[in-house]
Protein backbone atom coordinates (compact mmCIF):
# COMPACT_ATOMS: atom_id res chain seq x y z
CA MET A 1 148.44 169.58 21.51
CA PHE A 2 149.90 173.08 20.47
CA LEU A 3 152.87 172.62 22.75
CA GLN A 4 154.14 169.08 23.65
CA VAL A 5 156.81 168.12 25.86
CA ASP A 6 157.74 164.20 25.71
CA GLN A 7 160.26 162.47 28.27
CA VAL A 8 162.41 165.47 28.72
CA SER A 9 165.17 165.09 30.93
CA VAL A 10 167.73 167.75 31.53
CA ARG A 11 171.31 167.07 33.00
CA TYR A 12 174.10 169.58 33.95
CA ALA A 13 177.69 168.83 33.57
CA GLY A 14 179.05 167.77 36.71
CA GLY A 15 175.72 167.78 38.61
CA ALA A 16 174.10 164.90 40.82
CA VAL A 17 173.57 161.56 39.32
CA ARG A 18 169.94 162.23 39.35
CA ALA A 19 168.80 164.84 36.44
CA ALA A 20 167.84 168.36 37.04
CA VAL A 21 164.27 167.08 34.91
CA HIS A 22 163.79 163.77 34.84
CA GLU A 23 161.45 162.51 31.71
CA VAL A 24 158.99 165.11 32.06
CA SER A 25 156.01 165.10 29.73
CA LEU A 26 153.17 167.80 29.58
CA GLY A 27 151.10 169.38 26.78
CA LEU A 28 149.54 172.62 26.34
CA GLN A 29 146.29 173.14 23.98
CA ARG A 30 146.10 176.67 21.65
CA GLY A 31 145.66 179.65 24.29
CA GLN A 32 145.98 177.45 27.19
CA ILE A 33 148.43 178.75 30.03
CA GLY A 34 150.26 176.52 32.21
CA ALA A 35 152.00 177.10 35.38
CA LEU A 36 154.57 175.04 36.91
CA ILE A 37 155.30 175.11 40.77
CA GLY A 38 157.32 172.85 43.28
CA PRO A 39 159.92 173.78 46.05
CA SER A 40 163.10 175.46 45.14
CA GLY A 41 165.48 172.96 43.06
CA CYS A 42 162.71 171.00 41.91
CA GLY A 43 163.48 171.46 38.06
CA LYS A 44 160.98 173.73 36.86
CA THR A 45 163.04 176.57 35.57
CA SER A 46 165.27 174.07 33.76
CA LEU A 47 162.33 172.33 32.20
CA LEU A 48 161.35 175.87 31.07
CA ARG A 49 164.80 176.76 29.73
CA ALA A 50 164.59 173.42 27.95
CA VAL A 51 161.46 174.61 26.07
CA ALA A 52 163.16 177.94 25.22
CA GLY A 53 166.11 176.37 23.63
CA LEU A 54 168.25 177.71 26.47
CA GLU A 55 169.19 174.02 27.64
CA ARG A 56 169.85 171.43 25.44
CA PRO A 57 167.59 168.09 26.72
CA ALA A 58 169.66 165.14 27.60
CA GLN A 59 166.79 162.98 26.25
CA GLY A 60 162.90 163.61 24.86
CA ARG A 61 161.42 165.90 22.62
CA VAL A 62 159.87 169.21 22.26
CA GLN A 63 157.27 170.11 19.81
CA LEU A 64 155.08 173.44 19.19
CA ASP A 65 152.31 173.75 16.88
CA GLY A 66 153.43 170.41 15.13
CA ARG A 67 157.15 171.70 14.43
CA THR A 68 159.86 169.82 16.57
CA LEU A 69 161.95 171.87 18.48
CA ALA A 70 164.10 169.66 19.82
CA ASP A 71 164.94 165.94 19.49
CA LEU A 72 167.73 164.21 20.93
CA ALA A 73 166.97 161.00 19.16
CA GLY A 74 167.10 162.94 15.77
CA GLY A 75 169.99 164.98 17.13
CA MET A 76 167.79 168.21 16.56
CA HIS A 77 167.70 171.42 18.87
CA LEU A 78 166.93 174.60 17.28
CA PRO A 79 168.63 177.65 18.84
CA PRO A 80 165.99 180.06 21.07
CA GLU A 81 165.87 182.53 18.33
CA ALA A 82 164.55 180.14 15.86
CA ARG A 83 161.89 178.79 17.99
CA GLY A 84 159.25 181.88 17.82
CA ILE A 85 159.10 182.05 21.68
CA GLY A 86 159.00 184.86 24.03
CA MET A 87 160.28 185.28 27.10
CA VAL A 88 159.41 187.55 30.40
CA PHE A 89 162.22 186.97 33.06
CA GLN A 90 162.21 187.54 37.00
CA ASP A 91 163.98 190.84 36.47
CA TYR A 92 161.91 191.82 33.45
CA ALA A 93 165.49 192.61 31.79
CA LEU A 94 164.23 196.02 30.28
CA PHE A 95 166.85 198.22 28.83
CA PRO A 96 167.30 201.19 31.00
CA HIS A 97 168.74 203.40 28.74
CA LEU A 98 165.51 202.88 26.18
CA SER A 99 162.17 204.54 27.02
CA VAL A 100 159.18 202.23 27.36
CA ALA A 101 158.17 202.53 23.72
CA GLN A 102 161.61 201.75 22.55
CA ASN A 103 161.59 198.94 24.67
CA ILE A 104 158.62 197.46 23.41
CA LEU A 105 159.72 198.14 19.76
CA PHE A 106 162.80 196.31 20.35
CA GLY A 107 161.59 193.11 18.88
CA LEU A 108 159.81 194.53 15.83
CA HIS A 109 162.98 195.46 14.31
CA GLY A 110 163.21 194.91 10.52
CA GLN A 111 159.40 195.24 10.14
CA PRO A 112 157.86 198.28 8.29
CA ARG A 113 157.83 201.34 10.44
CA ALA A 114 154.41 201.71 10.11
CA ARG A 115 153.42 198.23 11.14
CA GLN A 116 155.89 198.81 13.95
CA GLN A 117 153.99 201.85 15.37
CA GLU A 118 150.66 200.10 14.82
CA ARG A 119 151.99 197.29 17.11
CA LEU A 120 153.43 199.71 19.39
CA ALA A 121 150.18 201.45 20.16
CA GLN A 122 148.02 198.03 20.47
CA MET A 123 150.53 196.64 23.19
CA LEU A 124 150.35 200.30 24.98
CA ASP A 125 146.45 200.07 25.16
CA LEU A 126 146.66 196.32 25.91
CA VAL A 127 148.54 196.77 29.12
CA GLY A 128 147.03 200.33 30.07
CA LEU A 129 150.30 202.43 29.69
CA ALA A 130 149.91 204.42 26.42
CA ALA A 131 150.58 207.47 28.94
CA ALA A 132 153.81 205.98 29.90
CA ALA A 133 155.27 205.76 26.12
CA GLY A 134 157.99 208.32 26.77
CA ARG A 135 159.12 207.47 30.36
CA TYR A 136 162.18 205.01 31.15
CA PRO A 137 162.07 201.78 33.22
CA HIS A 138 163.65 203.88 36.36
CA GLN A 139 160.25 205.70 36.46
CA LEU A 140 157.91 203.43 36.49
CA SER A 141 156.62 201.00 39.55
CA GLY A 142 157.36 197.55 39.82
CA GLY A 143 153.90 196.65 38.53
CA GLN A 144 154.15 198.92 35.55
CA GLN A 145 157.77 197.66 34.50
CA GLN A 146 156.23 194.16 34.73
CA ARG A 147 153.33 194.95 32.15
CA ILE A 148 155.90 196.69 29.91
CA ALA A 149 158.05 193.49 29.85
CA LEU A 150 154.76 191.43 28.92
CA ALA A 151 154.16 193.78 26.28
CA ARG A 152 157.57 193.63 24.97
CA ALA A 153 157.48 190.20 24.93
CA LEU A 154 153.88 189.89 23.22
CA ALA A 155 154.74 192.71 20.33
CA PRO A 156 156.22 190.00 18.36
CA GLN A 157 153.14 187.84 18.37
CA PRO A 158 155.16 184.87 19.78
CA ARG A 159 153.43 181.46 19.02
CA LEU A 160 154.59 180.63 22.68
CA LEU A 161 155.37 183.07 26.10
CA LEU A 162 157.45 181.60 28.61
CA LEU A 163 157.36 183.54 32.48
CA ASP A 164 160.23 182.83 34.90
CA GLU A 165 158.77 183.98 38.20
CA PRO A 166 157.61 187.36 36.87
CA PHE A 167 156.00 188.41 39.91
CA SER A 168 158.52 187.30 42.55
CA SER A 169 160.02 190.93 43.13
CA LEU A 170 156.53 192.45 44.15
CA ASP A 171 154.38 192.74 47.23
CA VAL A 172 151.80 190.03 47.67
CA ASP A 173 149.13 192.28 47.03
CA LEU A 174 150.52 193.57 43.80
CA ARG A 175 151.35 190.14 42.89
CA GLU A 176 147.90 188.52 42.93
CA ARG A 177 146.27 191.52 41.29
CA LEU A 178 148.96 191.58 38.54
CA ALA A 179 148.54 187.81 38.04
CA GLN A 180 145.02 187.97 37.37
CA GLU A 181 145.76 191.40 34.90
CA VAL A 182 148.20 188.90 32.72
CA ARG A 183 145.33 186.20 32.84
CA ALA A 184 143.25 188.16 31.23
CA ILE A 185 145.69 189.82 28.56
CA LEU A 186 147.06 186.59 27.69
CA LYS A 187 143.37 185.46 27.33
CA GLN A 188 142.63 188.32 25.24
CA THR A 189 145.33 187.65 22.86
CA VAL A 190 144.83 184.06 22.56
CA THR A 191 148.35 183.49 23.77
CA THR A 192 149.62 180.10 24.74
CA ALA A 193 151.86 180.61 28.23
CA LEU A 194 153.87 178.58 30.34
CA LEU A 195 154.85 179.98 33.78
CA VAL A 196 157.11 179.18 36.62
CA THR A 197 156.34 180.18 40.32
CA HIS A 198 157.11 179.39 43.88
CA ASP A 199 153.71 180.85 44.68
CA GLN A 200 150.64 178.56 44.56
CA LEU A 201 148.13 181.58 44.76
CA GLU A 202 149.63 182.76 41.82
CA ALA A 203 149.64 179.39 39.68
CA PHE A 204 146.10 179.27 40.79
CA ALA A 205 145.04 182.89 39.56
CA ILE A 206 147.10 182.46 36.35
CA GLY A 207 146.87 178.90 35.19
CA ASP A 208 144.43 176.80 33.31
CA VAL A 209 146.34 173.58 34.11
CA ILE A 210 149.15 173.28 36.58
CA GLY A 211 152.03 171.08 37.17
CA VAL A 212 153.82 170.09 40.60
CA MET A 213 157.23 169.17 40.52
CA ASN A 214 159.38 167.36 42.94
CA HIS A 215 163.22 166.29 42.28
CA GLY A 216 163.19 166.80 38.65
CA SER A 217 159.80 164.98 38.03
CA LEU A 218 156.30 166.20 37.50
CA GLU A 219 154.42 164.63 39.95
CA GLN A 220 150.45 165.75 38.52
CA TRP A 221 149.72 167.92 35.76
CA ASP A 222 146.06 168.90 36.19
CA ASP A 223 143.54 171.79 37.09
CA ALA A 224 143.97 173.65 40.48
CA TYR A 225 140.55 172.10 41.76
CA THR A 226 141.64 168.56 40.94
CA LEU A 227 145.39 169.44 42.29
CA TYR A 228 143.60 170.47 45.71
CA HIS A 229 140.67 167.91 45.81
CA ARG A 230 142.38 164.85 44.22
CA PRO A 231 146.02 164.90 44.92
CA ALA A 232 147.77 162.22 42.76
CA THR A 233 150.55 161.63 45.16
CA ARG A 234 151.26 162.27 48.76
CA PHE A 235 154.04 164.76 47.74
CA VAL A 236 150.92 166.87 46.01
CA ALA A 237 148.55 166.53 48.74
CA ASP A 238 151.18 167.81 51.24
CA PHE A 239 152.48 170.63 48.93
CA ILE A 240 149.29 171.82 48.05
CA GLY A 241 147.24 173.81 50.61
CA HIS A 242 146.65 173.42 54.34
CA GLY A 243 146.40 169.99 55.69
CA VAL A 244 147.69 166.91 57.77
CA PHE A 245 147.67 162.82 57.06
CA ALA A 246 145.56 161.32 59.77
CA PRO A 247 145.50 157.76 60.65
CA ALA A 248 142.56 155.89 59.37
CA GLN A 249 141.25 152.31 58.71
CA VAL A 250 139.30 150.91 55.79
CA VAL A 251 136.05 149.24 56.71
CA GLN A 252 133.08 147.60 54.95
CA GLY A 253 129.96 149.71 56.17
CA PRO A 254 126.25 148.79 55.64
CA ALA A 255 126.15 150.95 52.51
CA GLY A 256 129.91 150.23 51.06
CA PRO A 257 133.28 150.83 52.23
CA VAL A 258 134.47 153.72 54.49
CA VAL A 259 137.15 155.34 55.94
CA ARG A 260 137.17 155.26 59.85
CA THR A 261 138.91 158.23 61.49
CA ALA A 262 139.08 159.59 64.93
CA LEU A 263 136.71 162.23 64.23
CA GLY A 264 133.89 159.61 62.29
CA ASP A 265 133.72 157.72 59.21
CA LEU A 266 134.14 159.35 55.98
CA ILE A 267 132.33 158.25 53.05
CA ASP A 268 133.10 159.28 49.14
CA ALA A 269 130.50 157.31 46.63
CA GLY A 270 132.74 155.69 44.11
CA GLU A 271 136.26 157.26 45.24
CA SER A 272 136.38 155.44 49.03
CA PRO A 273 139.23 152.79 48.92
CA LEU A 274 137.86 149.25 48.97
CA PRO A 275 139.22 147.05 52.28
CA GLY A 276 142.36 145.26 51.08
CA ALA A 277 143.90 148.13 49.42
CA TYR A 278 146.06 148.51 51.97
CA PRO A 279 147.94 146.15 54.22
CA GLN A 280 145.75 145.76 57.21
CA ASP A 281 143.35 147.91 56.14
CA GLU A 282 145.21 150.86 57.17
CA CYS A 283 146.03 154.31 55.70
CA ASP A 284 146.37 158.11 55.88
CA VAL A 285 143.65 159.88 55.17
CA LEU A 286 144.40 163.88 53.99
CA LEU A 287 142.40 166.28 55.92
CA ARG A 288 142.40 169.87 54.93
CA ALA A 289 141.82 172.74 57.28
CA ASP A 290 138.65 173.41 55.51
CA ASP A 291 137.76 169.95 56.08
CA ILE A 292 137.49 170.63 59.63
CA VAL A 293 134.36 172.71 61.06
CA HIS A 294 134.30 174.30 64.19
CA ASP A 295 130.82 173.30 66.05
CA ASP A 296 130.38 173.73 69.87
CA GLU A 297 127.67 170.81 69.50
CA ALA A 298 130.37 167.97 68.26
CA PRO A 299 131.09 165.26 70.80
CA VAL A 300 134.92 165.12 69.55
CA LYS A 301 136.80 167.92 71.19
CA ALA A 302 140.13 169.36 70.18
CA GLN A 303 142.73 171.52 72.14
CA ILE A 304 144.04 174.57 70.15
CA MET A 305 147.61 174.53 70.18
CA ARG A 306 148.55 177.49 67.66
CA LYS A 307 146.65 180.01 66.12
CA ALA A 308 147.40 182.41 63.11
CA PHE A 309 145.08 185.54 62.47
CA ARG A 310 144.41 185.37 58.44
CA GLY A 311 142.00 188.59 58.51
CA SER A 312 138.65 186.90 57.77
CA GLU A 313 139.77 183.56 59.72
CA PHE A 314 142.20 182.04 61.85
CA LEU A 315 144.21 178.82 61.13
CA TYR A 316 144.14 176.66 64.31
CA THR A 317 146.59 173.97 64.77
CA LEU A 318 144.09 171.51 66.85
CA GLN A 319 145.31 168.73 69.05
CA LEU A 320 142.64 165.61 69.89
CA ALA A 321 143.08 163.86 73.19
CA SER A 322 144.66 161.03 71.41
CA GLY A 323 147.67 163.12 70.34
CA GLU A 324 146.82 163.57 66.62
CA GLN A 325 147.05 166.98 65.28
CA LEU A 326 144.52 168.80 62.78
CA LEU A 327 144.09 172.00 61.16
CA ALA A 328 141.35 174.27 60.67
CA HIS A 329 140.18 177.31 58.95
CA VAL A 330 137.88 179.04 61.68
CA PRO A 331 135.78 182.58 61.15
CA SER A 332 137.93 185.19 62.89
CA HIS A 333 135.10 186.38 65.12
CA HIS A 334 135.47 182.62 66.67
CA ASP A 335 138.58 183.97 68.76
CA HIS A 336 139.35 181.21 71.08
CA GLN A 337 142.37 181.11 73.57
CA LEU A 338 145.23 178.93 73.11
CA GLY A 339 144.51 176.02 75.26
CA GLU A 340 141.13 175.87 75.13
CA TRP A 341 138.90 172.78 73.91
CA ILE A 342 136.42 173.23 71.01
CA GLY A 343 134.45 170.82 69.36
CA ILE A 344 134.93 169.89 65.86
CA ARG A 345 133.59 167.49 63.63
CA ALA A 346 134.92 166.54 59.51
CA GLN A 347 133.04 167.85 56.66
CA VAL A 348 134.87 165.88 54.10
CA ASP A 349 133.24 165.93 50.39
CA HIS A 350 136.82 164.06 48.72
CA VAL A 351 137.95 161.12 50.67
CA VAL A 352 141.69 161.05 49.87
CA THR A 353 143.90 158.24 51.01
CA PHE A 354 147.26 157.11 50.74
CA ALA A 355 149.66 154.29 52.24
CA ARG A 356 150.41 154.31 56.08
CA GLN A 357 153.74 155.97 56.24
CA PRO A 358 155.75 154.89 59.55
CA LEU A 359 156.08 157.24 62.23
């Protein structure tokens, strides 16, 4: 692994008994982009600061390209400036009294002037802002400021780039577009990067691998597809995407085990739990909004309790006659009224179950 974090914990003086970061391990290959997401206070920024050297871990080890940056057992802790790591902060931290060019050149002091100018031209071209070299930060849009902050961080050619909520101050449409632009720039420069964000779509847009944190622990470190379709824990299943946990039972069908629900039997060859996996074979099955299909011919009916317009689709909150609630994405031209009963069926490719949780 190019970046290796082993069993890192971070504690703050006077803080709660539980660590802000608790024995987290993760790795990135050279050129990979990782993203950390989770609720506020889950420890993702504290972990990023530990990798940067801004926080001293209470335990564990951080290595980059085979070089140890921090190792509590060995009493080693390199300062941030000795780590070869670049950072892009939430507020960009551009120098307001320096021009765009001067901001980018800031991290190149000590290099020959010709090399500085060459690198400046490369960075301005990379982020598409060569025409703005003489402007000052207040003369730029938020998206332009973000790209300049990225160019300044990349100019010294850091071995690792850390980004702390870099798009949070931008509007939603610009945030998603810039996340894709930043990913393209990082891939073009083969830069290994670790991003902290609270926005799932942003993490999915930029990350090769994504970590979901909760109460200081890393619940899962995986690609976006696996996080969504094969969540390792109930928290990940609940945190990622839209869905509900529906009561179910594992039974033995003619061709193998099936998960029996109010919407019918669900089968996932090789992945469905076996009878006996849960007490009394009772479990909760994850049903995402895209697992529920609106079908007027379906025998199961559900009442529309709430609906949220999303442009191309509605997010319906549905209730079965038994009282169970489900979510469904329905094309927006299917504009049914609140209180209306519609036919639904389950179309589940990945059956994900967890132990039954008491009501």
